[in-house]
Amino acid sequence: MQSIADEWLRRVEAEYRSAATAQHFTLWLIQAGASPDLIVDGMHVAEDEIGHASMSHQVFLAAGGTGSPAMEQESLGLVRRRKTLEEDLLIDGVRSFCLGETVAVPLFQRMREGCTIEIASEALEQILVDEVRHRDFGWTLLDWLLSSKRGPEFRETLQDELPSMIAAIAKSYQGAEDASEISSEERSWGLLPGSEYAEVFERCYQRDYLPRFAACEIALPPKLIRS
């Protein structure tokens, strides 16, 4: 059970990081004068992520876990790196929400499919429902940015930077592929073998990233290029 508890504790930590990212990102939206609807949606994402952390912690305890998440303070929040706030909104928004939250949907679907432990299954079910809204927030955000006066410039920026952004995420999923296989008990608690992470990402690239970015007039290579 230790491996199960450890994995759910990592998920607690990840959800806290996601909450901090969403909260900080929403502050940027306020500073940029985004529409109230978009700002409120961003606040809801942050609130959801805190709820996910709480649910994941309950599963962690049910699996026999003890202790608290070890949070790396430097990973909590965002850092301004570009000349304008709008450019940071574009890059960090696409990375976190269009890319990260979009692949999270099929990933949690896969976790839920093999999960039979009630408390874990219920947590995954709620997280999955919320992740769909988080994904949609990302694409609404991108539509808003691309419809601005700087839309043509932003398309060019994404055309240049998206391949490396996607490759970086693919690498993290590919890294999980080296992990050992899992037991039936671990799967019943919503864990996945490392090989399935890379498979989920590959399918998401084909089924989600390619058509969604194409609809935004941004072309990606027809096949995933790994770094």
C-alpha atoms as a PDB file:
ATOM      1  CA  MET A   1       0.000   0.000   0.000  1.00  0.00           C
ATOM      2  CA  GLN A   2       2.975   2.336   0.415  1.00  0.00           C
ATOM      3  CA  SER A   3       3.316   2.877  -3.332  1.00  0.00           C
ATOM      4  CA  ILE A   4      -0.386   3.745  -3.527  1.00  0.00           C
ATOM      5  CA  ALA A   5      -0.194   6.234  -0.681  1.00  0.00           C
ATOM      6  CA  ASP A   6       2.972   7.772  -2.158  1.00  0.00           C
ATOM      7  CA  GLU A   7       1.328   8.275  -5.541  1.00  0.00           C
ATOM      8  CA  TRP A   8      -1.743   9.945  -4.067  1.00  0.00           C
ATOM      9  CA  LEU A   9       0.464  12.212  -1.974  1.00  0.00           C
ATOM     10  CA  ARG A  10       2.266  13.260  -5.163  1.00  0.00           C
ATOM     11  CA  ARG A  11      -1.149  14.081  -6.587  1.00  0.00           C
ATOM     12  CA  VAL A  12      -1.913  16.260  -3.559  1.00  0.00           C
ATOM     13  CA  GLU A  13       1.295  18.169  -4.219  1.00  0.00           C
ATOM     14  CA  ALA A  14       0.503  18.480  -7.929  1.00  0.00           C
ATOM     15  CA  GLU A  15      -2.976  19.821  -7.220  1.00  0.00           C
ATOM     16  CA  TYR A  16      -1.558  22.460  -4.875  1.00  0.00           C
ATOM     17  CA  ARG A  17       0.857  23.534  -7.615  1.00  0.00           C
ATOM     18  CA  SER A  18      -2.019  23.717 -10.082  1.00  0.00           C
ATOM     19  CA  ALA A  19      -4.069  25.795  -7.641  1.00  0.00           C
ATOM     20  CA  ALA A  20      -1.198  28.239  -7.177  1.00  0.00           C
ATOM     21  CA  THR A  21      -0.706  28.498 -10.941  1.00  0.00           C
ATOM     22  CA  ALA A  22      -4.411  29.147 -11.568  1.00  0.00           C
ATOM     23  CA  GLN A  23      -4.628  31.715  -8.771  1.00  0.00           C
ATOM     24  CA  HIS A  24      -1.538  33.592  -9.970  1.00  0.00           C
ATOM     25  CA  PHE A  25      -2.674  33.380 -13.581  1.00  0.00           C
ATOM     26  CA  THR A  26      -6.044  34.851 -12.643  1.00  0.00           C
ATOM     27  CA  LEU A  27      -4.264  37.813 -11.026  1.00  0.00           C
ATOM     28  CA  TRP A  28      -2.567  38.382 -14.369  1.00  0.00           C
ATOM     29  CA  LEU A  29      -5.959  38.312 -16.069  1.00  0.00           C
ATOM     30  CA  ILE A  30      -7.198  40.998 -13.681  1.00  0.00           C
ATOM     31  CA  GLN A  31      -4.087  43.089 -14.340  1.00  0.00           C
ATOM     32  CA  ALA A  32      -4.619  42.681 -18.089  1.00  0.00           C
ATOM     33  CA  GLY A  33      -8.231  43.835 -17.868  1.00  0.00           C
ATOM     34  CA  ALA A  34      -9.721  40.564 -19.087  1.00  0.00           C
ATOM     35  CA  SER A  35     -13.473  40.096 -19.110  1.00  0.00           C
ATOM     36  CA  PRO A  36     -15.112  39.398 -15.729  1.00  0.00           C
ATOM     37  CA  ASP A  37     -16.386  36.047 -17.009  1.00  0.00           C
ATOM     38  CA  LEU A  38     -12.877  34.866 -17.839  1.00  0.00           C
ATOM     39  CA  ILE A  39     -11.552  36.087 -14.499  1.00  0.00           C
ATOM     40  CA  VAL A  40     -14.307  34.317 -12.564  1.00  0.00           C
ATOM     41  CA  ASP A  41     -13.648  31.124 -14.525  1.00  0.00           C
ATOM     42  CA  GLY A  42      -9.982  31.358 -13.548  1.00  0.00           C
ATOM     43  CA  MET A  43     -10.939  31.734  -9.889  1.00  0.00           C
ATOM     44  CA  HIS A  44     -13.149  28.663 -10.165  1.00  0.00           C
ATOM     45  CA  VAL A  45     -10.230  26.676 -11.581  1.00  0.00           C
ATOM     46  CA  ALA A  46      -8.096  27.600  -8.564  1.00  0.00           C
ATOM     47  CA  GLU A  47     -10.923  26.646  -6.213  1.00  0.00           C
ATOM     48  CA  ASP A  48     -11.394  23.325  -7.996  1.00  0.00           C
ATOM     49  CA  GLU A  49      -7.708  22.497  -7.668  1.00  0.00           C
ATOM     50  CA  ILE A  50      -7.830  23.036  -3.905  1.00  0.00           C
ATOM     51  CA  GLY A  51     -10.805  20.675  -3.815  1.00  0.00           C
ATOM     52  CA  HIS A  52      -8.823  18.125  -5.814  1.00  0.00           C
ATOM     53  CA  ALA A  53      -5.966  18.379  -3.331  1.00  0.00           C
ATOM     54  CA  SER A  54      -8.375  17.769  -0.469  1.00  0.00           C
ATOM     55  CA  MET A  55      -9.970  14.755  -2.169  1.00  0.00           C
ATOM     56  CA  SER A  56      -6.574  13.327  -3.065  1.00  0.00           C
ATOM     57  CA  HIS A  57      -5.461  13.716   0.532  1.00  0.00           C
ATOM     58  CA  GLN A  58      -8.475  11.734   1.723  1.00  0.00           C
ATOM     59  CA  VAL A  59      -7.523   8.926  -0.665  1.00  0.00           C
ATOM     60  CA  PHE A  60      -3.940   9.152   0.598  1.00  0.00           C
ATOM     61  CA  LEU A  61      -5.163   8.671   4.173  1.00  0.00           C
ATOM     62  CA  ALA A  62      -7.467   5.820   3.152  1.00  0.00           C
ATOM     63  CA  ALA A  63      -4.472   4.075   1.591  1.00  0.00           C
ATOM     64  CA  GLY A  64      -2.683   4.233   4.930  1.00  0.00           C
ATOM     65  CA  GLY A  65      -0.619   7.326   4.246  1.00  0.00           C
ATOM     66  CA  THR A  66       0.719   9.520   7.015  1.00  0.00           C
ATOM     67  CA  GLY A  67       2.335  12.921   6.980  1.00  0.00           C
ATOM     68  CA  SER A  68       1.841  16.000   4.835  1.00  0.00           C
ATOM     69  CA  PRO A  69       2.740  17.057   1.301  1.00  0.00           C
ATOM     70  CA  ALA A  70       6.215  18.490   0.827  1.00  0.00           C
ATOM     71  CA  MET A  71       5.680  21.663  -1.129  1.00  0.00           C
ATOM     72  CA  GLU A  72       8.486  23.322  -3.068  1.00  0.00           C
ATOM     73  CA  GLN A  73       7.711  26.996  -2.566  1.00  0.00           C
ATOM     74  CA  GLU A  74       9.600  28.050  -5.675  1.00  0.00           C
ATOM     75  CA  SER A  75       7.239  25.942  -7.816  1.00  0.00           C
ATOM     76  CA  LEU A  76       4.123  27.681  -6.488  1.00  0.00           C
ATOM     77  CA  GLY A  77       3.174  30.495  -8.806  1.00  0.00           C
ATOM     78  CA  LEU A  78       4.293  32.029 -12.056  1.00  0.00           C
ATOM     79  CA  VAL A  79       7.180  34.284 -13.050  1.00  0.00           C
ATOM     80  CA  ARG A  80       7.034  37.140 -15.564  1.00  0.00           C
ATOM     81  CA  ARG A  81       9.543  36.345 -18.325  1.00  0.00           C
ATOM     82  CA  ARG A  82       8.490  38.370 -21.344  1.00  0.00           C
ATOM     83  CA  LYS A  83       8.237  42.001 -22.344  1.00  0.00           C
ATOM     84  CA  THR A  84       4.479  42.285 -21.917  1.00  0.00           C
ATOM     85  CA  LEU A  85       1.926  40.694 -19.623  1.00  0.00           C
ATOM     86  CA  GLU A  86      -0.109  39.576 -22.620  1.00  0.00           C
ATOM     87  CA  GLU A  87       2.823  37.523 -23.925  1.00  0.00           C
ATOM     88  CA  ASP A  88       3.157  35.797 -20.555  1.00  0.00           C
ATOM     89  CA  LEU A  89      -0.584  35.130 -20.548  1.00  0.00           C
ATOM     90  CA  LEU A  90      -0.263  33.566 -23.980  1.00  0.00           C
ATOM     91  CA  ILE A  91       2.660  31.233 -23.278  1.00  0.00           C
ATOM     92  CA  ASP A  92       1.828  30.252 -19.701  1.00  0.00           C
ATOM     93  CA  GLY A  93      -1.885  29.992 -20.504  1.00  0.00           C
ATOM     94  CA  VAL A  94      -1.309  27.690 -23.449  1.00  0.00           C
ATOM     95  CA  ARG A  95       1.229  25.582 -21.534  1.00  0.00           C
ATOM     96  CA  SER A  96      -0.861  25.167 -18.398  1.00  0.00           C
ATOM     97  CA  PHE A  97      -4.385  25.014 -19.758  1.00  0.00           C
ATOM     98  CA  CYS A  98      -4.506  24.305 -23.508  1.00  0.00           C
ATOM     99  CA  LEU A  99      -1.750  21.700 -23.230  1.00  0.00           C
ATOM    100  CA  GLY A 100      -1.681  20.566 -19.594  1.00  0.00           C
ATOM    101  CA  GLU A 101      -5.394  20.526 -18.829  1.00  0.00           C
ATOM    102  CA  THR A 102      -6.312  19.110 -22.225  1.00  0.00           C
ATOM    103  CA  VAL A 103      -4.163  16.005 -21.766  1.00  0.00           C
ATOM    104  CA  ALA A 104      -5.337  15.746 -18.152  1.00  0.00           C
ATOM    105  CA  VAL A 105      -8.835  14.840 -19.367  1.00  0.00           C
ATOM    106  CA  PRO A 106      -7.929  11.544 -21.128  1.00  0.00           C
ATOM    107  CA  LEU A 107      -5.337  10.829 -18.419  1.00  0.00           C
ATOM    108  CA  PHE A 108      -7.903  10.932 -15.628  1.00  0.00           C
ATOM    109  CA  GLN A 109     -10.333   9.004 -17.811  1.00  0.00           C
ATOM    110  CA  ARG A 110      -7.762   6.234 -18.061  1.00  0.00           C
ATOM    111  CA  MET A 111      -7.132   6.302 -14.306  1.00  0.00           C
ATOM    112  CA  ARG A 112     -10.841   6.089 -13.576  1.00  0.00           C
ATOM    113  CA  GLU A 113     -11.405   3.139 -15.909  1.00  0.00           C
ATOM    114  CA  GLY A 114      -9.350   0.723 -13.836  1.00  0.00           C
ATOM    115  CA  CYS A 115     -10.214   2.173 -10.440  1.00  0.00           C
ATOM    116  CA  THR A 116     -12.515   0.078  -8.231  1.00  0.00           C
ATOM    117  CA  ILE A 117     -11.790   1.478  -4.749  1.00  0.00           C
ATOM    118  CA  GLU A 118     -14.784   3.682  -3.975  1.00  0.00           C
ATOM    119  CA  ILE A 119     -13.065   6.664  -2.368  1.00  0.00           C
ATOM    120  CA  ALA A 120     -10.471   6.823  -5.149  1.00  0.00           C
ATOM    121  CA  SER A 121     -13.063   6.316  -7.878  1.00  0.00           C
ATOM    122  CA  GLU A 122     -15.255   9.095  -6.524  1.00  0.00           C
ATOM    123  CA  ALA A 123     -12.285  11.451  -6.357  1.00  0.00           C
ATOM    124  CA  LEU A 124     -11.252  10.667  -9.922  1.00  0.00           C
ATOM    125  CA  GLU A 125     -14.817  11.106 -11.161  1.00  0.00           C
ATOM    126  CA  GLN A 126     -15.077  14.605  -9.696  1.00  0.00           C
ATOM    127  CA  ILE A 127     -11.596  15.568 -10.836  1.00  0.00           C
ATOM    128  CA  LEU A 128     -12.434  14.442 -14.368  1.00  0.00           C
ATOM    129  CA  VAL A 129     -15.620  16.525 -14.446  1.00  0.00           C
ATOM    130  CA  ASP A 130     -13.659  19.579 -13.343  1.00  0.00           C
ATOM    131  CA  GLU A 131     -10.748  18.979 -15.719  1.00  0.00           C
ATOM    132  CA  VAL A 132     -13.095  19.243 -18.691  1.00  0.00           C
ATOM    133  CA  ARG A 133     -14.021  22.758 -17.566  1.00  0.00           C
ATOM    134  CA  HIS A 134     -10.372  23.629 -16.965  1.00  0.00           C
ATOM    135  CA  ARG A 135      -9.537  22.483 -20.494  1.00  0.00           C
ATOM    136  CA  ASP A 136     -12.349  24.606 -21.894  1.00  0.00           C
ATOM    137  CA  PHE A 137     -11.098  27.603 -19.894  1.00  0.00           C
ATOM    138  CA  GLY A 138      -7.754  27.288 -21.664  1.00  0.00           C
ATOM    139  CA  TRP A 139      -9.220  27.293 -25.144  1.00  0.00           C
ATOM    140  CA  THR A 140     -11.575  30.175 -24.315  1.00  0.00           C
ATOM    141  CA  LEU A 141      -8.553  32.083 -23.062  1.00  0.00           C
ATOM    142  CA  LEU A 142      -6.659  31.377 -26.276  1.00  0.00           C
ATOM    143  CA  ASP A 143      -9.620  32.526 -28.383  1.00  0.00           C
ATOM    144  CA  TRP A 144      -9.669  35.783 -26.406  1.00  0.00           C
ATOM    145  CA  LEU A 145      -5.965  36.386 -26.951  1.00  0.00           C
ATOM    146  CA  LEU A 146      -6.062  35.517 -30.653  1.00  0.00           C
ATOM    147  CA  SER A 147      -9.047  37.802 -31.231  1.00  0.00           C
ATOM    148  CA  SER A 148      -7.152  40.780 -29.816  1.00  0.00           C
ATOM    149  CA  LYS A 149      -5.241  43.309 -31.912  1.00  0.00           C
ATOM    150  CA  ARG A 150      -2.100  41.266 -31.341  1.00  0.00           C
ATOM    151  CA  GLY A 151      -3.745  38.080 -32.558  1.00  0.00           C
ATOM    152  CA  PRO A 152      -1.631  37.711 -35.735  1.00  0.00           C
ATOM    153  CA  GLU A 153       1.549  38.240 -33.711  1.00  0.00           C
ATOM    154  CA  PHE A 154       0.423  35.702 -31.105  1.00  0.00           C
ATOM    155  CA  ARG A 155      -0.252  33.119 -33.824  1.00  0.00           C
ATOM    156  CA  GLU A 156       3.283  33.555 -35.120  1.00  0.00           C
ATOM    157  CA  THR A 157       4.670  33.217 -31.603  1.00  0.00           C
ATOM    158  CA  LEU A 158       2.796  29.987 -30.993  1.00  0.00           C
ATOM    159  CA  GLN A 159       3.745  28.663 -34.410  1.00  0.00           C
ATOM    160  CA  ASP A 160       7.381  29.070 -33.376  1.00  0.00           C
ATOM    161  CA  GLU A 161       7.186  28.000 -29.730  1.00  0.00           C
ATOM    162  CA  LEU A 162       4.526  25.295 -29.595  1.00  0.00           C
ATOM    163  CA  PRO A 163       6.700  22.426 -30.909  1.00  0.00           C
ATOM    164  CA  SER A 164       9.243  22.862 -28.121  1.00  0.00           C
ATOM    165  CA  MET A 165       6.505  23.346 -25.519  1.00  0.00           C
ATOM    166  CA  ILE A 166       4.800  20.140 -26.593  1.00  0.00           C
ATOM    167  CA  ALA A 167       8.087  18.253 -26.768  1.00  0.00           C
ATOM    168  CA  ALA A 168       8.865  19.231 -23.177  1.00  0.00           C
ATOM    169  CA  ILE A 169       5.549  17.856 -21.949  1.00  0.00           C
ATOM    170  CA  ALA A 170       5.953  14.757 -24.100  1.00  0.00           C
ATOM    171  CA  LYS A 171       9.347  14.171 -22.513  1.00  0.00           C
ATOM    172  CA  SER A 172       7.831  14.160 -19.040  1.00  0.00           C
ATOM    173  CA  TYR A 173       5.242  11.616 -20.158  1.00  0.00           C
ATOM    174  CA  GLN A 174       7.890   9.607 -21.955  1.00  0.00           C
ATOM    175  CA  GLY A 175       9.932   9.572 -18.764  1.00  0.00           C
ATOM    176  CA  ALA A 176       7.068   7.826 -17.008  1.00  0.00           C
ATOM    177  CA  GLU A 177       7.298   5.095 -19.623  1.00  0.00           C
ATOM    178  CA  ASP A 178      10.466   3.811 -17.979  1.00  0.00           C
ATOM    179  CA  ALA A 179       8.629   3.160 -14.718  1.00  0.00           C
ATOM    180  CA  SER A 180       7.893  -0.411 -13.734  1.00  0.00           C
ATOM    181  CA  GLU A 181       4.521  -2.006 -14.306  1.00  0.00           C
ATOM    182  CA  ILE A 182       1.951  -1.903 -11.535  1.00  0.00           C
ATOM    183  CA  SER A 183      -0.021  -4.518  -9.636  1.00  0.00           C
ATOM    184  CA  SER A 184      -3.758  -5.104  -9.917  1.00  0.00           C
ATOM    185  CA  GLU A 185      -4.148  -3.606  -6.444  1.00  0.00           C
ATOM    186  CA  GLU A 186      -2.370  -0.429  -7.502  1.00  0.00           C
ATOM    187  CA  ARG A 187      -4.581  -0.139 -10.577  1.00  0.00           C
ATOM    188  CA  SER A 188      -7.686  -0.607  -8.425  1.00  0.00           C
ATOM    189  CA  TRP A 189      -6.621   2.562  -6.565  1.00  0.00           C
ATOM    190  CA  GLY A 190      -6.371   4.567  -9.789  1.00  0.00           C
ATOM    191  CA  LEU A 191      -2.666   4.192 -10.556  1.00  0.00           C
ATOM    192  CA  LEU A 192      -1.382   3.686 -14.098  1.00  0.00           C
ATOM    193  CA  PRO A 193       1.688   1.872 -15.428  1.00  0.00           C
ATOM    194  CA  GLY A 194       4.297   4.192 -16.860  1.00  0.00           C
ATOM    195  CA  SER A 195       3.750   2.954 -20.414  1.00  0.00           C
ATOM    196  CA  GLU A 196       0.182   4.270 -20.454  1.00  0.00           C
ATOM    197  CA  TYR A 197       1.224   7.856 -19.752  1.00  0.00           C
ATOM    198  CA  ALA A 198       3.089   8.105 -23.055  1.00  0.00           C
ATOM    199  CA  GLU A 199       0.239   6.366 -24.869  1.00  0.00           C
ATOM    200  CA  VAL A 200      -2.317   8.821 -23.494  1.00  0.00           C
ATOM    201  CA  PHE A 201      -0.184  11.782 -24.533  1.00  0.00           C
ATOM    202  CA  GLU A 202       0.327  10.427 -28.053  1.00  0.00           C
ATOM    203  CA  ARG A 203      -3.411   9.977 -28.548  1.00  0.00           C
ATOM    204  CA  CYS A 204      -4.134  13.417 -27.129  1.00  0.00           C
ATOM    205  CA  TYR A 205      -1.735  14.960 -29.615  1.00  0.00           C
ATOM    206  CA  GLN A 206      -3.609  13.384 -32.515  1.00  0.00           C
ATOM    207  CA  ARG A 207      -7.168  13.729 -31.234  1.00  0.00           C
ATOM    208  CA  ASP A 208      -7.006  17.062 -29.423  1.00  0.00           C
ATOM    209  CA  TYR A 209      -3.949  19.196 -30.067  1.00  0.00           C
ATOM    210  CA  LEU A 210      -3.840  18.873 -33.857  1.00  0.00           C
ATOM    211  CA  PRO A 211      -7.500  19.730 -34.591  1.00  0.00           C
ATOM    212  CA  ARG A 212      -7.855  22.341 -31.836  1.00  0.00           C
ATOM    213  CA  PHE A 213      -4.785  24.308 -32.881  1.00  0.00           C
ATOM    214  CA  ALA A 214      -5.719  23.907 -36.534  1.00  0.00           C
ATOM    215  CA  ALA A 215      -9.050  25.566 -35.732  1.00  0.00           C
ATOM    216  CA  CYS A 216      -6.980  28.471 -34.371  1.00  0.00           C
ATOM    217  CA  GLU A 217      -5.021  28.574 -37.658  1.00  0.00           C
ATOM    218  CA  ILE A 218      -1.898  27.174 -36.022  1.00  0.00           C
ATOM    219  CA  ALA A 219      -0.329  24.184 -37.751  1.00  0.00           C
ATOM    220  CA  LEU A 220       1.492  21.423 -35.903  1.00  0.00           C
ATOM    221  CA  PRO A 221       3.489  18.520 -37.349  1.00  0.00           C
ATOM    222  CA  PRO A 222       1.136  15.626 -38.204  1.00  0.00           C
ATOM    223  CA  LYS A 223       3.074  13.355 -35.880  1.00  0.00           C
ATOM    224  CA  LEU A 224       4.403  14.068 -32.418  1.00  0.00           C
ATOM    225  CA  ILE A 225       8.085  15.066 -32.443  1.00  0.00           C
ATOM    226  CA  ARG A 226       9.918  14.127 -29.269  1.00  0.00           C
ATOM    227  CA  SER A 227      13.022  15.965 -28.106  1.00  0.00           C
END
